[in-house]
Amino acid sequence: MEQNDALGQLLHLDRQLNIVEKDELKHQLILHINYLLLNDFNRLVQILYRVDVSEQKLKRLLQENPQTDAAIIIADLLMERQEEKIRIKQTFRNDDNIPADDKW
């Protein structure tokens, strides 16, 4: 299975999703993550590294929630990290208050 649409969509997000979009994306991510857990764990690790998901946070959440499907926890962390990146970009993208002479 190649990088599926949900993962590609997550990695290229440039805006906040509405609740329906977020739920659908999460569902698709969970399916893909479960596939990777069973068939291509190294690829999953690469994705987590690329998105910059905290390894310590992931380990802690997995230990604290042993009855929860690991794919759900991983999908939540991936989405949370991407949303954080979007917020940061939007914060620094707002350069309207910079004088024209100081803009690059």
C-alpha atoms as a PDB file:
ATOM      1  CA  MET A   1       0.000   0.000   0.000  1.00  0.00           C
ATOM      2  CA  GLU A   2       1.466   3.338  -1.037  1.00  0.00           C
ATOM      3  CA  GLN A   3       1.088   6.513   0.971  1.00  0.00           C
ATOM      4  CA  ASN A   4      -2.688   6.685   1.013  1.00  0.00           C
ATOM      5  CA  ASP A   5      -4.829   9.741   0.318  1.00  0.00           C
ATOM      6  CA  ALA A   6      -5.530  10.402   4.004  1.00  0.00           C
ATOM      7  CA  LEU A   7      -1.859  10.483   4.908  1.00  0.00           C
ATOM      8  CA  GLY A   8      -1.029  12.641   1.907  1.00  0.00           C
ATOM      9  CA  GLN A   9      -3.880  14.977   2.792  1.00  0.00           C
ATOM     10  CA  LEU A  10      -2.636  15.234   6.377  1.00  0.00           C
ATOM     11  CA  LEU A  11       0.939  15.937   5.344  1.00  0.00           C
ATOM     12  CA  HIS A  12      -0.150  18.705   2.963  1.00  0.00           C
ATOM     13  CA  LEU A  13      -2.748  20.416   5.130  1.00  0.00           C
ATOM     14  CA  ASP A  14      -2.582  24.181   4.996  1.00  0.00           C
ATOM     15  CA  ARG A  15      -5.757  25.000   6.880  1.00  0.00           C
ATOM     16  CA  GLN A  16      -7.794  23.873   9.843  1.00  0.00           C
ATOM     17  CA  LEU A  17     -10.379  21.214   9.030  1.00  0.00           C
ATOM     18  CA  ASN A  18     -14.024  21.348  10.023  1.00  0.00           C
ATOM     19  CA  ILE A  19     -15.371  18.610  12.304  1.00  0.00           C
ATOM     20  CA  VAL A  20     -16.735  16.433   9.486  1.00  0.00           C
ATOM     21  CA  GLU A  21     -13.496  16.650   7.502  1.00  0.00           C
ATOM     22  CA  LYS A  22     -11.467  15.925  10.619  1.00  0.00           C
ATOM     23  CA  ASP A  23     -13.548  12.857  11.529  1.00  0.00           C
ATOM     24  CA  GLU A  24     -13.300  11.442   8.003  1.00  0.00           C
ATOM     25  CA  LEU A  25      -9.561  12.063   7.828  1.00  0.00           C
ATOM     26  CA  LYS A  26      -9.062  10.462  11.236  1.00  0.00           C
ATOM     27  CA  HIS A  27     -11.040   7.389  10.180  1.00  0.00           C
ATOM     28  CA  GLN A  28      -8.944   6.998   7.024  1.00  0.00           C
ATOM     29  CA  LEU A  29      -5.711   7.554   8.968  1.00  0.00           C
ATOM     30  CA  ILE A  30      -6.639   4.877  11.499  1.00  0.00           C
ATOM     31  CA  LEU A  31      -7.165   2.364   8.687  1.00  0.00           C
ATOM     32  CA  HIS A  32      -3.830   3.230   7.095  1.00  0.00           C
ATOM     33  CA  ILE A  33      -1.950   3.253  10.405  1.00  0.00           C
ATOM     34  CA  ASN A  34      -3.329  -0.183  11.278  1.00  0.00           C
ATOM     35  CA  TYR A  35      -2.110  -1.405   7.898  1.00  0.00           C
ATOM     36  CA  LEU A  36       1.344   0.034   8.569  1.00  0.00           C
ATOM     37  CA  LEU A  37       1.463  -1.418  12.078  1.00  0.00           C
ATOM     38  CA  LEU A  38       0.869  -4.871  10.618  1.00  0.00           C
ATOM     39  CA  ASN A  39       2.758  -4.645   7.326  1.00  0.00           C
ATOM     40  CA  ASP A  40       5.314  -1.806   7.257  1.00  0.00           C
ATOM     41  CA  PHE A  41       6.257  -0.658  10.741  1.00  0.00           C
ATOM     42  CA  ASN A  42       9.436   1.037   9.482  1.00  0.00           C
ATOM     43  CA  ARG A  43       7.354   3.238   7.177  1.00  0.00           C
ATOM     44  CA  LEU A  44       5.147   4.236  10.119  1.00  0.00           C
ATOM     45  CA  VAL A  45       8.219   5.197  12.142  1.00  0.00           C
ATOM     46  CA  GLN A  46       9.461   7.306   9.201  1.00  0.00           C
ATOM     47  CA  ILE A  47       6.118   9.104   9.018  1.00  0.00           C
ATOM     48  CA  LEU A  48       6.092   9.809  12.755  1.00  0.00           C
ATOM     49  CA  TYR A  49       9.621  11.175  12.479  1.00  0.00           C
ATOM     50  CA  ARG A  50       8.757  13.283   9.414  1.00  0.00           C
ATOM     51  CA  VAL A  51       5.736  14.829  11.110  1.00  0.00           C
ATOM     52  CA  ASP A  52       7.800  15.284  14.279  1.00  0.00           C
ATOM     53  CA  VAL A  53       5.500  13.394  16.653  1.00  0.00           C
ATOM     54  CA  SER A  54       7.015  13.244  20.127  1.00  0.00           C
ATOM     55  CA  GLU A  55       8.285   9.725  20.770  1.00  0.00           C
ATOM     56  CA  GLN A  56       8.049  10.250  24.529  1.00  0.00           C
ATOM     57  CA  LYS A  57       4.460  11.461  24.296  1.00  0.00           C
ATOM     58  CA  LEU A  58       3.507   8.531  22.080  1.00  0.00           C
ATOM     59  CA  LYS A  59       5.086   6.001  24.453  1.00  0.00           C
ATOM     60  CA  ARG A  60       3.403   7.632  27.450  1.00  0.00           C
ATOM     61  CA  LEU A  61      -0.038   7.658  25.822  1.00  0.00           C
ATOM     62  CA  LEU A  62       0.302   4.037  24.713  1.00  0.00           C
ATOM     63  CA  GLN A  63       1.263   3.000  28.260  1.00  0.00           C
ATOM     64  CA  GLU A  64      -1.506   5.059  29.867  1.00  0.00           C
ATOM     65  CA  ASN A  65      -4.166   3.737  27.459  1.00  0.00           C
ATOM     66  CA  PRO A  66      -3.472   0.015  26.948  1.00  0.00           C
ATOM     67  CA  GLN A  67      -7.106  -0.702  26.003  1.00  0.00           C
ATOM     68  CA  THR A  68      -7.139   1.913  23.214  1.00  0.00           C
ATOM     69  CA  ASP A  69      -6.251   0.919  19.657  1.00  0.00           C
ATOM     70  CA  ALA A  70      -2.711   2.199  19.036  1.00  0.00           C
ATOM     71  CA  ALA A  71      -3.781   3.466  15.606  1.00  0.00           C
ATOM     72  CA  ILE A  72      -6.293   5.822  17.233  1.00  0.00           C
ATOM     73  CA  ILE A  73      -3.621   7.273  19.509  1.00  0.00           C
ATOM     74  CA  ILE A  74      -1.167   7.637  16.631  1.00  0.00           C
ATOM     75  CA  ALA A  75      -3.783   9.247  14.355  1.00  0.00           C
ATOM     76  CA  ASP A  76      -4.679  11.741  17.087  1.00  0.00           C
ATOM     77  CA  LEU A  77      -1.013  12.648  17.591  1.00  0.00           C
ATOM     78  CA  LEU A  78      -0.383  13.024  13.849  1.00  0.00           C
ATOM     79  CA  MET A  79      -3.398  15.283  13.451  1.00  0.00           C
ATOM     80  CA  GLU A  80      -2.560  17.277  16.572  1.00  0.00           C
ATOM     81  CA  ARG A  81       1.004  17.886  15.364  1.00  0.00           C
ATOM     82  CA  GLN A  82      -0.080  18.934  11.881  1.00  0.00           C
ATOM     83  CA  GLU A  83      -2.686  21.318  13.322  1.00  0.00           C
ATOM     84  CA  GLU A  84       0.020  22.809  15.539  1.00  0.00           C
ATOM     85  CA  LYS A  85       2.240  23.367  12.498  1.00  0.00           C
ATOM     86  CA  ILE A  86      -0.645  25.073  10.671  1.00  0.00           C
ATOM     87  CA  ARG A  87      -1.276  27.407  13.623  1.00  0.00           C
ATOM     88  CA  ILE A  88       2.413  28.314  13.773  1.00  0.00           C
ATOM     89  CA  LYS A  89       2.554  29.025  10.026  1.00  0.00           C
ATOM     90  CA  GLN A  90      -0.578  31.171  10.229  1.00  0.00           C
ATOM     91  CA  THR A  91       0.888  33.130  13.131  1.00  0.00           C
ATOM     92  CA  PHE A  92       4.084  33.938  11.279  1.00  0.00           C
ATOM     93  CA  ARG A  93       2.433  34.345   7.873  1.00  0.00           C
ATOM     94  CA  ASN A  94       0.626  37.449   9.094  1.00  0.00           C
ATOM     95  CA  ASP A  95       3.282  39.965   8.112  1.00  0.00           C
ATOM     96  CA  ASP A  96       0.903  42.879   7.465  1.00  0.00           C
ATOM     97  CA  ASN A  97       2.323  44.766  10.425  1.00  0.00           C
ATOM     98  CA  ILE A  98       5.863  44.731   9.022  1.00  0.00           C
ATOM     99  CA  PRO A  99       6.927  47.919   7.254  1.00  0.00           C
ATOM    100  CA  ALA A 100       7.502  47.424   3.503  1.00  0.00           C
ATOM    101  CA  ASP A 101      11.205  48.293   3.879  1.00  0.00           C
ATOM    102  CA  ASP A 102      11.665  45.483   6.409  1.00  0.00           C
ATOM    103  CA  LYS A 103       9.951  42.751   4.377  1.00  0.00           C
ATOM    104  CA  TRP A 104      12.099  40.314   2.436  1.00  0.00           C
END
